[in-house]
Amino acid sequence: MQLHFLGTGAGMPSKDRNTSALMVKLLDEIGELWLFDCGEATQHQILHTSLKPRKVTKIFITHLHGDHIFGLPGFLSSRSFQGGNDPLTIFGPAGLQHWVEQTLALSNTHLTYPLHFVEVQEGVMLEDEHFTVYAKALRHVIPCYGYRIEQKPLPGELLIEKAQALGVPKGPLLGQLKKGQDIVLDNGVLIQAKDVTAPPKKGFTLTILGDTKYCQEAVQLAMKADIVVHEATFDSTTPDLAASYGHTTNVEAAKVAQQAGANYLLLNHLSARFLPQDLPQFLAEAQHIFPQTLLAADQTIFTWHNHQLF
């Protein structure tokens, strides 16, 4: 799994940071891309990458502020021009479907693929054989949600030497065991898959929070998560100002990760007031509370592999 940040700014684009957009690359897991928020010019950011819009199967919108949705109509339109024919599902707060459909209708935009909408409510938003996605309301100035993505346990590795010691020959029978299927050898001996596979591996848990002031709801969504993506619009000098705008400071985001017992914290949604020379101190303040804090920038890619973030 990879996290590709396409926009890490707050409110409006700046020279260094575009508005909010994060691509979760699940190509190795399920061959899909999931997009979280779609601020203005997200598709322009994608042009500088190898990302394929037609691979995006799901879009999760945290809330309806413009810096999180103004890029959505353009992205949906371009996905048609770029060969997207597979269905696309958009998860978002009440009102999102109406806004998107009205925009597409008034601009006479025709999509070449089925578009589905799911209105977000608290609880399980999606569950299949690979993932469960939960949503929870946060505390912003308009309705806003955070998402928690839990990967289901992965099958254990096939213990080939153990299988061969039991008489399983090389070939398709090993493949069946790897898929968890029991087999019967030519001599009538039953080989059960559980006897020749390692225990299941724990999947990852990823929490992506929308705009919010410091709150226990964020802690709950982030509980024991491997990775927490949290906004940090302000720094430690202005906590009251941050709260009045429904936002979080870098230090408060670090406290969320600390209280949740998370493994890694990625800070994004930074105000344009912070210049490049301010960022080392900005990051250090958060790391003082939660050492495993990293700072996201536009086009930063983080890779999750073997329970480590690179």
Protein backbone atom coordinates (compact mmCIF):
# COMPACT_ATOMS: atom_id res chain seq x y z
CA MET A 1 0.00 0.00 0.00
CA GLN A 2 1.18 3.49 -0.83
CA LEU A 3 -0.02 6.96 0.10
CA HIS A 4 0.51 9.54 -2.63
CA PHE A 5 -0.20 13.10 -1.46
CA LEU A 6 -1.48 15.26 -4.31
CA GLY A 7 -2.45 18.28 -2.24
CA THR A 8 -1.36 19.16 1.29
CA GLY A 9 -2.36 22.80 1.66
CA ALA A 10 -5.22 24.44 3.54
CA GLY A 11 -7.98 26.70 2.30
CA MET A 12 -6.57 27.66 -1.06
CA PRO A 13 -3.64 26.63 -3.25
CA SER A 14 -0.21 28.15 -2.75
CA LYS A 15 2.98 27.98 -4.79
CA ASP A 16 4.18 25.03 -2.72
CA ARG A 17 0.98 23.20 -1.77
CA ASN A 18 -2.19 22.41 -3.69
CA THR A 19 -5.55 21.88 -2.02
CA SER A 20 -6.50 18.60 -0.36
CA ALA A 21 -6.19 15.31 -2.20
CA LEU A 22 -4.67 11.99 -1.19
CA MET A 23 -4.43 8.90 -3.39
CA VAL A 24 -4.31 5.57 -1.57
CA LYS A 25 -2.67 3.09 -3.93
CA LEU A 26 -3.98 -0.43 -3.38
CA LEU A 27 -2.58 -1.81 -6.61
CA ASP A 28 -0.79 -4.77 -5.03
CA GLU A 29 -3.74 -5.57 -2.79
CA ILE A 30 -6.76 -5.23 -5.13
CA GLY A 31 -5.53 -3.40 -8.24
CA GLU A 32 -7.38 -0.20 -7.35
CA LEU A 33 -6.79 3.43 -6.41
CA TRP A 34 -8.89 5.18 -3.76
CA LEU A 35 -8.96 8.99 -3.73
CA PHE A 36 -9.61 10.89 -0.52
CA ASP A 37 -10.84 14.43 -1.19
CA CYS A 38 -10.42 16.17 -4.51
CA GLY A 39 -9.48 19.81 -4.18
CA GLU A 40 -9.13 22.20 -7.09
CA ALA A 41 -6.56 21.12 -9.73
CA THR A 42 -6.20 17.59 -8.39
CA GLN A 43 -6.21 16.32 -11.97
CA HIS A 44 -3.35 18.70 -12.77
CA GLN A 45 -1.35 17.18 -9.92
CA ILE A 46 -2.07 13.72 -11.32
CA LEU A 47 -0.57 14.76 -14.67
CA HIS A 48 2.84 14.88 -12.96
CA THR A 49 2.52 11.26 -11.84
CA SER A 50 2.02 7.79 -13.29
CA LEU A 51 -1.40 7.51 -11.64
CA LYS A 52 -4.23 6.39 -13.92
CA PRO A 53 -7.64 7.99 -13.20
CA ARG A 54 -9.38 4.94 -14.70
CA LYS A 55 -7.90 2.90 -11.82
CA VAL A 56 -9.72 5.06 -9.28
CA THR A 57 -12.75 3.03 -8.21
CA LYS A 58 -13.75 4.93 -5.06
CA ILE A 59 -13.62 8.54 -3.93
CA PHE A 60 -14.11 9.45 -0.27
CA ILE A 61 -15.01 13.07 0.49
CA THR A 62 -14.58 14.28 4.06
CA HIS A 63 -16.69 17.46 3.80
CA LEU A 64 -18.05 19.99 1.35
CA HIS A 65 -15.63 22.90 1.69
CA GLY A 66 -14.30 23.96 -1.68
CA ASP A 67 -10.68 23.10 -1.02
CA HIS A 68 -11.80 19.47 -0.69
CA ILE A 69 -14.28 19.15 -3.59
CA PHE A 70 -13.73 21.83 -6.27
CA GLY A 71 -11.56 19.46 -8.33
CA LEU A 72 -14.17 16.71 -8.42
CA PRO A 73 -16.22 17.67 -11.53
CA GLY A 74 -13.09 18.08 -13.63
CA PHE A 75 -11.65 14.80 -12.43
CA LEU A 76 -14.87 12.93 -13.18
CA SER A 77 -15.01 14.40 -16.68
CA SER A 78 -11.36 13.68 -17.47
CA ARG A 79 -11.74 10.11 -16.28
CA SER A 80 -14.13 9.59 -19.20
CA PHE A 81 -11.72 11.10 -21.72
CA GLN A 82 -8.89 8.96 -20.37
CA GLY A 83 -10.58 5.64 -20.97
CA GLY A 84 -12.42 5.14 -17.72
CA ASN A 85 -15.36 2.78 -18.24
CA ASP A 86 -15.52 0.95 -14.91
CA PRO A 87 -18.02 2.08 -12.26
CA LEU A 88 -16.97 4.73 -9.75
CA THR A 89 -18.45 5.14 -6.28
CA ILE A 90 -18.32 8.43 -4.38
CA PHE A 91 -18.76 8.47 -0.60
CA GLY A 92 -19.53 11.84 0.93
CA PRO A 93 -21.77 13.95 3.18
CA ALA A 94 -25.35 14.88 2.41
CA GLY A 95 -25.56 17.36 -0.46
CA LEU A 96 -22.55 16.08 -2.39
CA GLN A 97 -24.60 14.05 -4.87
CA HIS A 98 -26.86 17.00 -5.64
CA TRP A 99 -23.90 19.34 -6.17
CA VAL A 100 -22.05 16.93 -8.47
CA GLU A 101 -25.10 15.99 -10.52
CA GLN A 102 -26.16 19.62 -10.94
CA THR A 103 -22.64 20.63 -11.99
CA LEU A 104 -22.41 17.82 -14.55
CA ALA A 105 -25.89 18.56 -15.90
CA LEU A 106 -25.41 22.33 -16.21
CA SER A 107 -22.06 21.85 -17.96
CA ASN A 108 -23.56 19.15 -20.23
CA THR A 109 -20.87 16.71 -19.10
CA HIS A 110 -21.42 13.11 -20.17
CA LEU A 111 -19.66 10.32 -18.29
CA THR A 112 -18.77 7.05 -19.98
CA TYR A 113 -19.08 5.05 -16.77
CA PRO A 114 -21.71 4.43 -14.06
CA LEU A 115 -21.43 6.85 -11.14
CA HIS A 116 -22.78 5.80 -7.75
CA PHE A 117 -23.15 7.85 -4.58
CA VAL A 118 -23.19 6.72 -0.96
CA GLU A 119 -24.22 9.28 1.64
CA VAL A 120 -21.87 9.02 4.60
CA GLN A 121 -23.20 8.17 8.02
CA GLU A 122 -21.36 6.99 11.09
CA GLY A 123 -20.46 3.32 11.11
CA VAL A 124 -19.43 0.83 8.45
CA MET A 125 -19.45 2.46 5.01
CA LEU A 126 -17.94 -0.40 3.03
CA GLU A 127 -17.06 -4.01 3.66
CA ASP A 128 -15.82 -6.69 1.28
CA GLU A 129 -13.44 -9.63 1.44
CA HIS A 130 -10.43 -7.32 1.66
CA PHE A 131 -11.36 -4.20 3.62
CA THR A 132 -13.75 -2.62 6.09
CA VAL A 133 -14.13 1.16 5.98
CA TYR A 134 -15.65 3.04 8.91
CA ALA A 135 -16.74 6.68 9.08
CA LYS A 136 -17.11 8.93 12.09
CA ALA A 137 -18.22 12.54 12.43
CA LEU A 138 -15.48 14.96 13.48
CA ARG A 139 -15.73 18.53 14.81
CA HIS A 140 -15.41 21.11 12.07
CA VAL A 141 -17.53 24.14 11.19
CA ILE A 142 -19.67 22.06 8.81
CA PRO A 143 -20.41 18.31 8.85
CA CYS A 144 -17.10 16.51 8.31
CA TYR A 145 -16.05 12.89 8.54
CA GLY A 146 -12.95 10.87 9.13
CA TYR A 147 -12.39 7.43 7.64
CA ARG A 148 -10.77 4.32 9.08
CA ILE A 149 -9.67 1.64 6.61
CA GLU A 150 -8.98 -1.79 8.08
CA GLN A 151 -7.41 -4.45 5.90
CA LYS A 152 -8.63 -7.91 6.76
CA PRO A 153 -6.06 -10.56 7.81
CA LEU A 154 -3.94 -11.86 4.98
CA PRO A 155 -3.54 -15.61 4.31
CA GLY A 156 -0.42 -17.12 5.81
CA GLU A 157 2.43 -18.18 3.56
CA LEU A 158 2.52 -21.71 2.22
CA LEU A 159 5.16 -23.80 4.02
CA ILE A 160 6.42 -25.51 0.87
CA GLU A 161 9.02 -27.72 2.54
CA LYS A 162 6.47 -29.00 5.03
CA ALA A 163 3.98 -29.72 2.25
CA GLN A 164 6.56 -31.58 0.21
CA ALA A 165 7.59 -33.60 3.27
CA LEU A 166 3.99 -34.79 3.46
CA GLY A 167 4.20 -35.98 -0.14
CA VAL A 168 2.71 -33.03 -2.03
CA PRO A 169 4.38 -32.87 -5.46
CA LYS A 170 5.38 -29.67 -7.21
CA GLY A 171 2.59 -28.30 -9.36
CA PRO A 172 -1.06 -27.26 -9.11
CA LEU A 173 -1.70 -29.02 -5.78
CA LEU A 174 0.66 -26.60 -4.05
CA GLY A 175 -1.29 -23.76 -5.62
CA GLN A 176 -4.55 -25.11 -4.22
CA LEU A 177 -3.05 -25.33 -0.74
CA LYS A 178 -1.78 -21.77 -1.04
CA LYS A 179 -5.35 -20.66 -1.75
CA GLY A 180 -6.49 -22.38 1.43
CA GLN A 181 -8.01 -25.40 -0.28
CA ASP A 182 -7.56 -28.89 1.17
CA ILE A 183 -6.32 -31.56 -1.25
CA VAL A 184 -6.25 -35.35 -1.57
CA LEU A 185 -3.10 -37.02 -2.85
CA ASP A 186 -3.12 -39.90 -5.34
CA ASN A 187 -2.60 -42.32 -2.44
CA GLY A 188 -5.78 -41.04 -0.77
CA VAL A 189 -4.08 -39.02 1.97
CA LEU A 190 -5.90 -35.80 2.90
CA ILE A 191 -3.69 -32.73 3.28
CA GLN A 192 -5.37 -29.83 5.02
CA ALA A 193 -4.28 -26.34 4.02
CA LYS A 194 -4.15 -25.14 7.64
CA ASP A 195 -1.48 -27.76 8.39
CA VAL A 196 0.94 -26.46 5.77
CA THR A 197 0.40 -22.69 5.96
CA ALA A 198 1.68 -20.12 8.40
CA PRO A 199 -0.81 -18.22 10.61
CA PRO A 200 -2.69 -15.33 8.93
CA LYS A 201 -0.89 -11.99 8.84
CA LYS A 202 -2.37 -8.86 10.35
CA GLY A 203 -3.55 -6.35 7.76
CA PHE A 204 -2.89 -2.61 8.03
CA THR A 205 -5.15 0.02 9.58
CA LEU A 206 -5.15 3.48 8.02
CA THR A 207 -7.01 6.48 9.47
CA ILE A 208 -7.60 9.54 7.28
CA LEU A 209 -9.11 12.47 9.12
CA GLY A 210 -10.86 15.41 7.54
CA ASP A 211 -10.72 18.95 8.89
CA THR A 212 -11.37 19.01 12.62
CA LYS A 213 -10.47 20.64 15.86
CA TYR A 214 -8.89 18.45 18.51
CA CYS A 215 -11.48 15.91 19.63
CA GLN A 216 -11.92 12.45 21.09
CA GLU A 217 -13.70 11.32 17.92
CA ALA A 218 -10.38 11.65 16.10
CA VAL A 219 -8.66 9.61 18.81
CA GLN A 220 -11.28 6.89 18.51
CA LEU A 221 -10.89 6.66 14.72
CA ALA A 222 -7.12 6.52 15.10
CA MET A 223 -7.05 3.93 17.89
CA LYS A 224 -4.13 1.50 17.35
CA ALA A 225 -3.92 2.54 13.67
CA ASP A 226 -0.72 1.87 11.78
CA ILE A 227 -0.91 5.24 10.01
CA VAL A 228 -2.88 8.36 10.92
CA VAL A 229 -3.22 11.20 8.41
CA HIS A 230 -4.15 14.31 10.36
CA GLU A 231 -4.57 17.96 9.45
CA ALA A 232 -2.21 20.49 11.06
CA THR A 233 -3.44 23.86 9.82
CA PHE A 234 -1.94 25.78 12.74
CA ASP A 235 1.03 25.48 15.10
CA SER A 236 1.36 25.44 18.87
CA THR A 237 1.25 29.22 19.19
CA THR A 238 -2.39 29.54 18.10
CA PRO A 239 -4.52 26.72 19.59
CA ASP A 240 -7.50 28.99 20.30
CA LEU A 241 -7.46 30.36 16.77
CA ALA A 242 -7.26 26.83 15.38
CA ALA A 243 -10.26 25.70 17.42
CA SER A 244 -12.32 28.75 16.42
CA TYR A 245 -11.92 27.77 12.77
CA GLY A 246 -12.52 24.08 13.45
CA HIS A 247 -8.91 23.13 12.87
CA THR A 248 -6.02 21.46 14.68
CA THR A 249 -2.46 22.44 15.55
CA ASN A 250 0.57 20.28 14.88
CA VAL A 251 0.89 19.57 18.61
CA GLU A 252 -2.76 18.60 18.97
CA ALA A 253 -2.48 16.20 16.04
CA ALA A 254 0.52 14.62 17.77
CA LYS A 255 -1.55 14.23 20.94
CA VAL A 256 -4.25 12.43 18.95
CA ALA A 257 -1.71 9.91 17.63
CA GLN A 258 -0.14 9.52 21.07
CA GLN A 259 -3.45 8.93 22.85
CA ALA A 260 -4.61 6.54 20.15
CA GLY A 261 -1.45 4.42 20.36
CA ALA A 262 -0.88 4.81 16.64
CA ASN A 263 2.35 3.79 14.94
CA TYR A 264 2.87 6.69 12.52
CA LEU A 265 1.45 10.18 12.10
CA LEU A 266 1.46 12.07 8.79
CA LEU A 267 0.72 15.80 8.99
CA ASN A 268 -0.93 17.60 6.08
CA HIS A 269 -3.38 20.46 5.36
CA LEU A 270 -0.81 23.09 6.33
CA SER A 271 -1.59 26.78 6.21
CA ALA A 272 0.27 28.87 3.62
CA ARG A 273 1.51 31.01 6.50
CA PHE A 274 4.19 28.40 7.11
CA LEU A 275 7.14 28.97 4.82
CA PRO A 276 9.73 26.28 4.01
CA GLN A 277 12.11 27.63 6.65
CA ASP A 278 9.36 27.24 9.28
CA LEU A 279 8.78 23.55 8.68
CA PRO A 280 11.70 22.03 10.65
CA GLN A 281 10.47 23.71 13.83
CA PHE A 282 6.86 22.88 12.95
CA LEU A 283 7.75 19.19 12.65
CA ALA A 284 9.99 19.19 15.73
CA GLU A 285 7.16 20.46 17.91
CA ALA A 286 4.99 17.52 16.91
CA GLN A 287 7.81 14.99 17.18
CA HIS A 288 8.51 16.13 20.73
CA ILE A 289 5.12 14.63 21.64
CA PHE A 290 4.90 11.84 19.07
CA PRO A 291 8.34 10.92 17.64
CA GLN A 292 6.98 8.90 14.70
CA THR A 293 5.60 12.04 13.04
CA LEU A 294 6.32 12.83 9.41
CA LEU A 295 5.39 15.84 7.32
CA ALA A 296 3.64 15.35 3.98
CA ALA A 297 4.31 17.56 0.97
CA ASP A 298 2.75 17.60 -2.48
CA GLN A 299 3.86 14.54 -4.48
CA THR A 300 5.27 12.82 -1.38
CA ILE A 301 4.83 9.04 -1.54
CA PHE A 302 4.86 6.89 1.59
CA THR A 303 5.07 3.10 1.26
CA TRP A 304 3.75 0.65 3.84
CA HIS A 305 5.65 -2.64 3.75
CA ASN A 306 6.27 -5.28 6.41
CA HIS A 307 4.68 -3.09 9.07
CA GLN A 308 7.05 -0.22 8.34
CA LEU A 309 6.50 3.12 6.64
CA PHE A 310 9.09 4.31 4.13
